[in-house]
């Protein structure tokens, strides 16, 4: 963990809950991208009293990690959110922001230095707080109706290889074979999707947004409103 210590700096935000929580309360790790054109602008927003937002860590373009809120205080990063039976995930999660302009400002690949910091920091926090790999999530997982981050370019598969997060067991060959073959009955798919942890909804437009969040996470090669057999196979593998 020496790499983390060497690259860590502190720039505390006033935006957090004053009541301290116990380490056992930390259950989730949530990834975000900053979604702003300027990295300095993102840092200022995360530490500005008037913004009403913050996070625990910011990973800069050069891989430097900035500690913005101490782990045992709830940062304001998740907003209206849910996963399985938990709601308002600020109270039991650690939020990591990664500098990236996001979908509105020219979404780009996370660079090598950022990915190294993502891996090192995630491993550290996962081990320290005994966070289960199925509880390491993206903002779009816990708030699929309003968020896309960290997006389809986030290295989820690599994090799985590093034994950090969840990934499916379907081979690339089988994935390609099943891709774009429409699933005749979506009912079972959405039933499993909501069982997996995503927000439940009966509205078709909301269900499509939730499905797209699932694709950004587990099938980033193709994001579409049509539920296909590849997506169903991936979801069953995860369940």
Protein backbone atom coordinates (compact mmCIF):
# COMPACT_ATOMS: atom_id res chain seq x y z
CA UNK A 1 0.00 0.00 0.00
CA UNK A 2 3.05 2.29 -0.12
CA UNK A 3 2.05 3.59 -3.55
CA UNK A 4 -1.21 4.94 -2.14
CA UNK A 5 0.51 6.74 0.72
CA UNK A 6 3.05 8.37 -1.62
CA UNK A 7 0.37 9.66 -4.00
CA UNK A 8 -2.18 10.76 -1.38
CA UNK A 9 -2.93 14.39 -0.59
CA UNK A 10 -5.63 16.02 1.53
CA UNK A 11 -8.14 18.70 0.55
CA UNK A 12 -11.03 18.39 2.95
CA UNK A 13 -14.59 19.31 2.02
CA UNK A 14 -17.11 20.82 4.47
CA UNK A 15 -19.84 18.74 2.83
CA UNK A 16 -20.35 15.70 5.04
CA UNK A 17 -22.52 14.45 7.89
CA UNK A 18 -21.10 15.49 11.25
CA UNK A 19 -22.02 12.26 13.00
CA UNK A 20 -19.18 9.76 12.79
CA UNK A 21 -19.98 6.21 11.73
CA UNK A 22 -18.34 2.93 12.77
CA UNK A 23 -16.14 1.02 10.33
CA UNK A 24 -18.68 -1.83 10.31
CA UNK A 25 -21.22 0.59 8.82
CA UNK A 26 -19.22 0.82 5.58
CA UNK A 27 -20.83 -1.68 3.23
CA UNK A 28 -20.45 -0.25 -0.30
CA UNK A 29 -17.81 1.27 -2.53
CA UNK A 30 -19.25 3.52 -5.26
CA UNK A 31 -17.37 4.82 -8.32
CA UNK A 32 -18.19 8.08 -10.10
CA UNK A 33 -16.65 10.27 -12.75
CA UNK A 34 -16.48 14.01 -12.15
CA UNK A 35 -18.34 14.85 -15.39
CA UNK A 36 -16.75 18.29 -15.67
CA UNK A 37 -14.49 19.87 -18.30
CA UNK A 38 -11.94 21.03 -15.73
CA UNK A 39 -10.29 18.87 -13.09
CA UNK A 40 -9.62 21.94 -10.93
CA UNK A 41 -13.25 22.94 -11.36
CA UNK A 42 -14.35 19.50 -10.15
CA UNK A 43 -12.11 19.70 -7.10
CA UNK A 44 -13.44 23.18 -6.26
CA UNK A 45 -17.03 21.96 -6.57
CA UNK A 46 -16.38 18.95 -4.32
CA UNK A 47 -14.95 21.23 -1.63
CA UNK A 48 -17.34 24.19 -2.01
CA UNK A 49 -19.87 24.66 0.79
CA UNK A 50 -22.53 25.87 -1.63
CA UNK A 51 -22.31 22.87 -3.99
CA UNK A 52 -23.80 20.38 -1.55
CA UNK A 53 -21.71 17.53 -2.97
CA UNK A 54 -18.52 15.74 -2.00
CA UNK A 55 -16.83 12.35 -2.02
CA UNK A 56 -14.24 10.51 0.02
CA UNK A 57 -11.56 10.33 -2.67
CA UNK A 58 -10.81 12.02 -5.97
CA UNK A 59 -8.45 10.34 -8.43
CA UNK A 60 -6.84 12.98 -10.61
CA UNK A 61 -5.64 12.64 -14.21
CA UNK A 62 -2.07 12.07 -13.05
CA UNK A 63 -3.17 9.28 -10.70
CA UNK A 64 -2.85 11.35 -7.54
CA UNK A 65 -5.44 10.50 -4.92
CA UNK A 66 -7.00 13.36 -2.98
CA UNK A 67 -8.72 12.56 0.32
CA UNK A 68 -11.74 14.86 0.48
CA UNK A 69 -13.81 13.39 3.34
CA UNK A 70 -12.45 10.98 5.98
CA UNK A 71 -13.79 7.44 5.56
CA UNK A 72 -15.79 7.37 8.78
CA UNK A 73 -17.94 10.35 7.86
CA UNK A 74 -20.72 10.17 5.27
CA UNK A 75 -19.84 12.15 2.15
CA UNK A 76 -22.56 13.52 -0.14
CA UNK A 77 -21.90 11.55 -3.32
CA UNK A 78 -24.73 9.06 -3.87
CA UNK A 79 -27.83 11.26 -3.66
CA UNK A 80 -31.17 9.53 -4.16
CA UNK A 81 -29.98 5.94 -4.48
CA UNK A 82 -30.76 2.30 -3.78
CA UNK A 83 -29.31 -1.17 -4.09
CA UNK A 84 -31.31 -4.23 -3.14
CA UNK A 85 -33.04 -3.29 0.12
CA UNK A 86 -30.74 -0.39 1.00
CA UNK A 87 -31.66 3.21 0.20
CA UNK A 88 -29.79 6.51 0.51
CA UNK A 89 -26.39 4.91 0.22
CA UNK A 90 -24.41 7.91 1.51
CA UNK A 91 -24.74 6.53 5.02
CA UNK A 92 -23.05 3.19 4.35
CA UNK A 93 -20.72 3.77 1.40
CA UNK A 94 -17.41 5.26 0.36
CA UNK A 95 -17.51 7.38 -2.80
CA UNK A 96 -14.61 7.60 -5.27
CA UNK A 97 -14.67 10.27 -7.97
CA UNK A 98 -12.39 9.90 -10.99
CA UNK A 99 -11.44 12.89 -13.10
CA UNK A 100 -13.15 12.49 -16.48
CA UNK A 101 -15.26 14.96 -18.50
CA UNK A 102 -18.06 12.40 -18.77
CA UNK A 103 -20.70 11.87 -21.44
CA UNK A 104 -21.66 15.55 -21.66
CA UNK A 105 -18.15 16.89 -22.27
CA UNK A 106 -16.31 14.29 -24.35
CA UNK A 107 -16.19 11.07 -22.32
CA UNK A 108 -12.73 9.53 -22.57
CA UNK A 109 -10.84 6.43 -21.51
CA UNK A 110 -9.48 6.35 -17.98
CA UNK A 111 -5.71 6.51 -18.29
CA UNK A 112 -3.13 4.03 -17.02
CA UNK A 113 -2.15 6.07 -13.95
CA UNK A 114 -5.79 6.50 -12.95
CA UNK A 115 -6.49 2.78 -13.37
CA UNK A 116 -3.49 1.87 -11.21
CA UNK A 117 -4.77 4.20 -8.48
CA UNK A 118 -8.31 2.80 -8.84
CA UNK A 119 -6.95 -0.73 -8.30
CA UNK A 120 -4.69 0.15 -5.36
CA UNK A 121 -7.24 2.32 -3.55
CA UNK A 122 -10.07 -0.17 -4.11
CA UNK A 123 -8.02 -3.08 -2.78
CA UNK A 124 -7.05 -1.08 0.26
CA UNK A 125 -10.62 -0.05 1.09
CA UNK A 126 -12.11 -3.44 0.24
CA UNK A 127 -9.74 -5.19 2.64
CA UNK A 128 -9.92 -2.52 5.35
CA UNK A 129 -13.72 -2.52 5.57
CA UNK A 130 -14.34 -6.09 4.42
CA UNK A 131 -16.50 -4.90 1.50
CA UNK A 132 -17.95 -7.73 -0.58
CA UNK A 133 -17.15 -7.65 -4.29
CA UNK A 134 -20.86 -7.59 -5.15
CA UNK A 135 -21.12 -4.34 -3.17
CA UNK A 136 -18.56 -2.52 -5.28
CA UNK A 137 -20.75 -0.48 -7.61
CA UNK A 138 -21.04 2.41 -10.03
CA UNK A 139 -23.18 5.52 -9.53
CA UNK A 140 -25.33 4.34 -12.44
CA UNK A 141 -25.99 1.07 -10.61
CA UNK A 142 -27.46 2.79 -7.57
CA UNK A 143 -29.11 5.71 -9.42
CA UNK A 144 -29.87 4.34 -12.91
CA UNK A 145 -32.67 6.78 -13.72
CA UNK A 146 -30.43 9.83 -13.53
CA UNK A 147 -26.77 8.77 -13.76
CA UNK A 148 -24.43 7.18 -16.34
CA UNK A 149 -21.15 7.30 -14.44
CA UNK A 150 -18.57 5.87 -14.28
CA UNK A 151 -19.74 4.71 -17.71
CA UNK A 152 -18.96 2.00 -20.24
CA UNK A 153 -15.23 2.82 -20.36
CA UNK A 154 -14.68 2.05 -16.69
CA UNK A 155 -12.42 -1.04 -16.29
CA UNK A 156 -14.85 -3.33 -14.47
CA UNK A 157 -13.50 -6.50 -16.11
CA UNK A 158 -9.95 -5.63 -15.06
CA UNK A 159 -11.10 -4.97 -11.50
CA UNK A 160 -12.64 -8.44 -11.50
CA UNK A 161 -9.32 -9.94 -12.64
CA UNK A 162 -7.70 -8.15 -9.70
CA UNK A 163 -10.29 -9.81 -7.40
CA UNK A 164 -11.96 -6.52 -6.57
CA UNK A 165 -15.39 -6.50 -8.22
CA UNK A 166 -18.00 -8.72 -9.82
CA UNK A 167 -18.03 -9.92 -13.44
CA UNK A 168 -19.94 -12.55 -15.41
CA UNK A 169 -18.72 -15.99 -16.50
CA UNK A 170 -19.92 -16.00 -20.12
CA UNK A 171 -17.15 -16.45 -22.70
CA UNK A 172 -16.56 -13.76 -25.33
CA UNK A 173 -17.35 -16.30 -28.05
CA UNK A 174 -20.75 -17.10 -26.56
CA UNK A 175 -21.43 -13.40 -25.92
CA UNK A 176 -20.90 -12.54 -29.57
CA UNK A 177 -23.08 -15.45 -30.65
CA UNK A 178 -26.01 -14.32 -28.48
CA UNK A 179 -25.60 -10.58 -29.11
CA UNK A 180 -28.48 -8.82 -30.89
CA UNK A 181 -30.72 -11.92 -30.72
CA UNK A 182 -33.86 -10.46 -29.21
CA UNK A 183 -35.29 -12.06 -26.11
CA UNK A 184 -38.93 -12.89 -26.75
CA UNK A 185 -40.09 -12.43 -23.17
CA UNK A 186 -38.55 -9.61 -21.10
CA UNK A 187 -40.53 -10.35 -17.97
CA UNK A 188 -38.09 -12.89 -16.51
CA UNK A 189 -35.12 -10.71 -17.42
CA UNK A 190 -36.41 -7.70 -15.50
CA UNK A 191 -37.46 -9.89 -12.59
CA UNK A 192 -33.86 -11.14 -12.32
CA UNK A 193 -32.46 -7.64 -12.87
CA UNK A 194 -34.39 -6.27 -9.90
CA UNK A 195 -33.46 -9.33 -7.82
CA UNK A 196 -29.79 -8.68 -8.64
CA UNK A 197 -30.04 -5.30 -6.97
CA UNK A 198 -31.20 -2.62 -9.41
CA UNK A 199 -34.10 -0.34 -8.59
CA UNK A 200 -37.46 -1.96 -9.36
CA UNK A 201 -39.87 -0.24 -11.73
CA UNK A 202 -42.97 -1.04 -13.75
CA UNK A 203 -42.60 1.92 -16.13
CA UNK A 204 -41.21 0.94 -19.54
CA UNK A 205 -39.11 4.09 -19.97
CA UNK A 206 -37.53 3.61 -16.54
CA UNK A 207 -36.90 -0.08 -17.18
CA UNK A 208 -34.95 0.82 -20.33
CA UNK A 209 -32.75 3.25 -18.39
CA UNK A 210 -32.09 0.60 -15.76
CA UNK A 211 -31.28 -1.95 -18.46
CA UNK A 212 -28.83 0.47 -20.06
CA UNK A 213 -27.09 0.94 -16.72
CA UNK A 214 -26.71 -2.81 -16.51
CA UNK A 215 -25.21 -2.85 -20.02
CA UNK A 216 -22.74 -0.06 -19.25
CA UNK A 217 -21.50 -2.19 -16.40
CA UNK A 218 -21.55 -5.72 -17.81
CA UNK A 219 -21.96 -5.42 -21.62
CA UNK A 220 -20.27 -2.12 -22.58
CA UNK A 221 -19.75 -3.16 -26.22
CA UNK A 222 -23.40 -2.50 -27.06
CA UNK A 223 -25.85 -0.30 -25.20
CA UNK A 224 -29.36 -0.59 -26.59
CA UNK A 225 -33.00 -0.58 -25.46
CA UNK A 226 -33.57 -4.07 -26.90
CA UNK A 227 -33.14 -6.89 -24.38
CA UNK A 228 -31.17 -9.65 -26.08
CA UNK A 229 -30.09 -13.17 -25.20
CA UNK A 230 -26.54 -12.08 -24.43
CA UNK A 231 -27.73 -9.73 -21.69
CA UNK A 232 -29.99 -12.43 -20.28
CA UNK A 233 -27.15 -15.00 -20.22
CA UNK A 234 -24.84 -12.49 -18.50
CA UNK A 235 -27.45 -11.65 -15.87
CA UNK A 236 -28.21 -15.32 -15.13
CA UNK A 237 -24.48 -15.93 -14.72
CA UNK A 238 -24.26 -13.10 -12.18
CA UNK A 239 -27.29 -14.32 -10.25
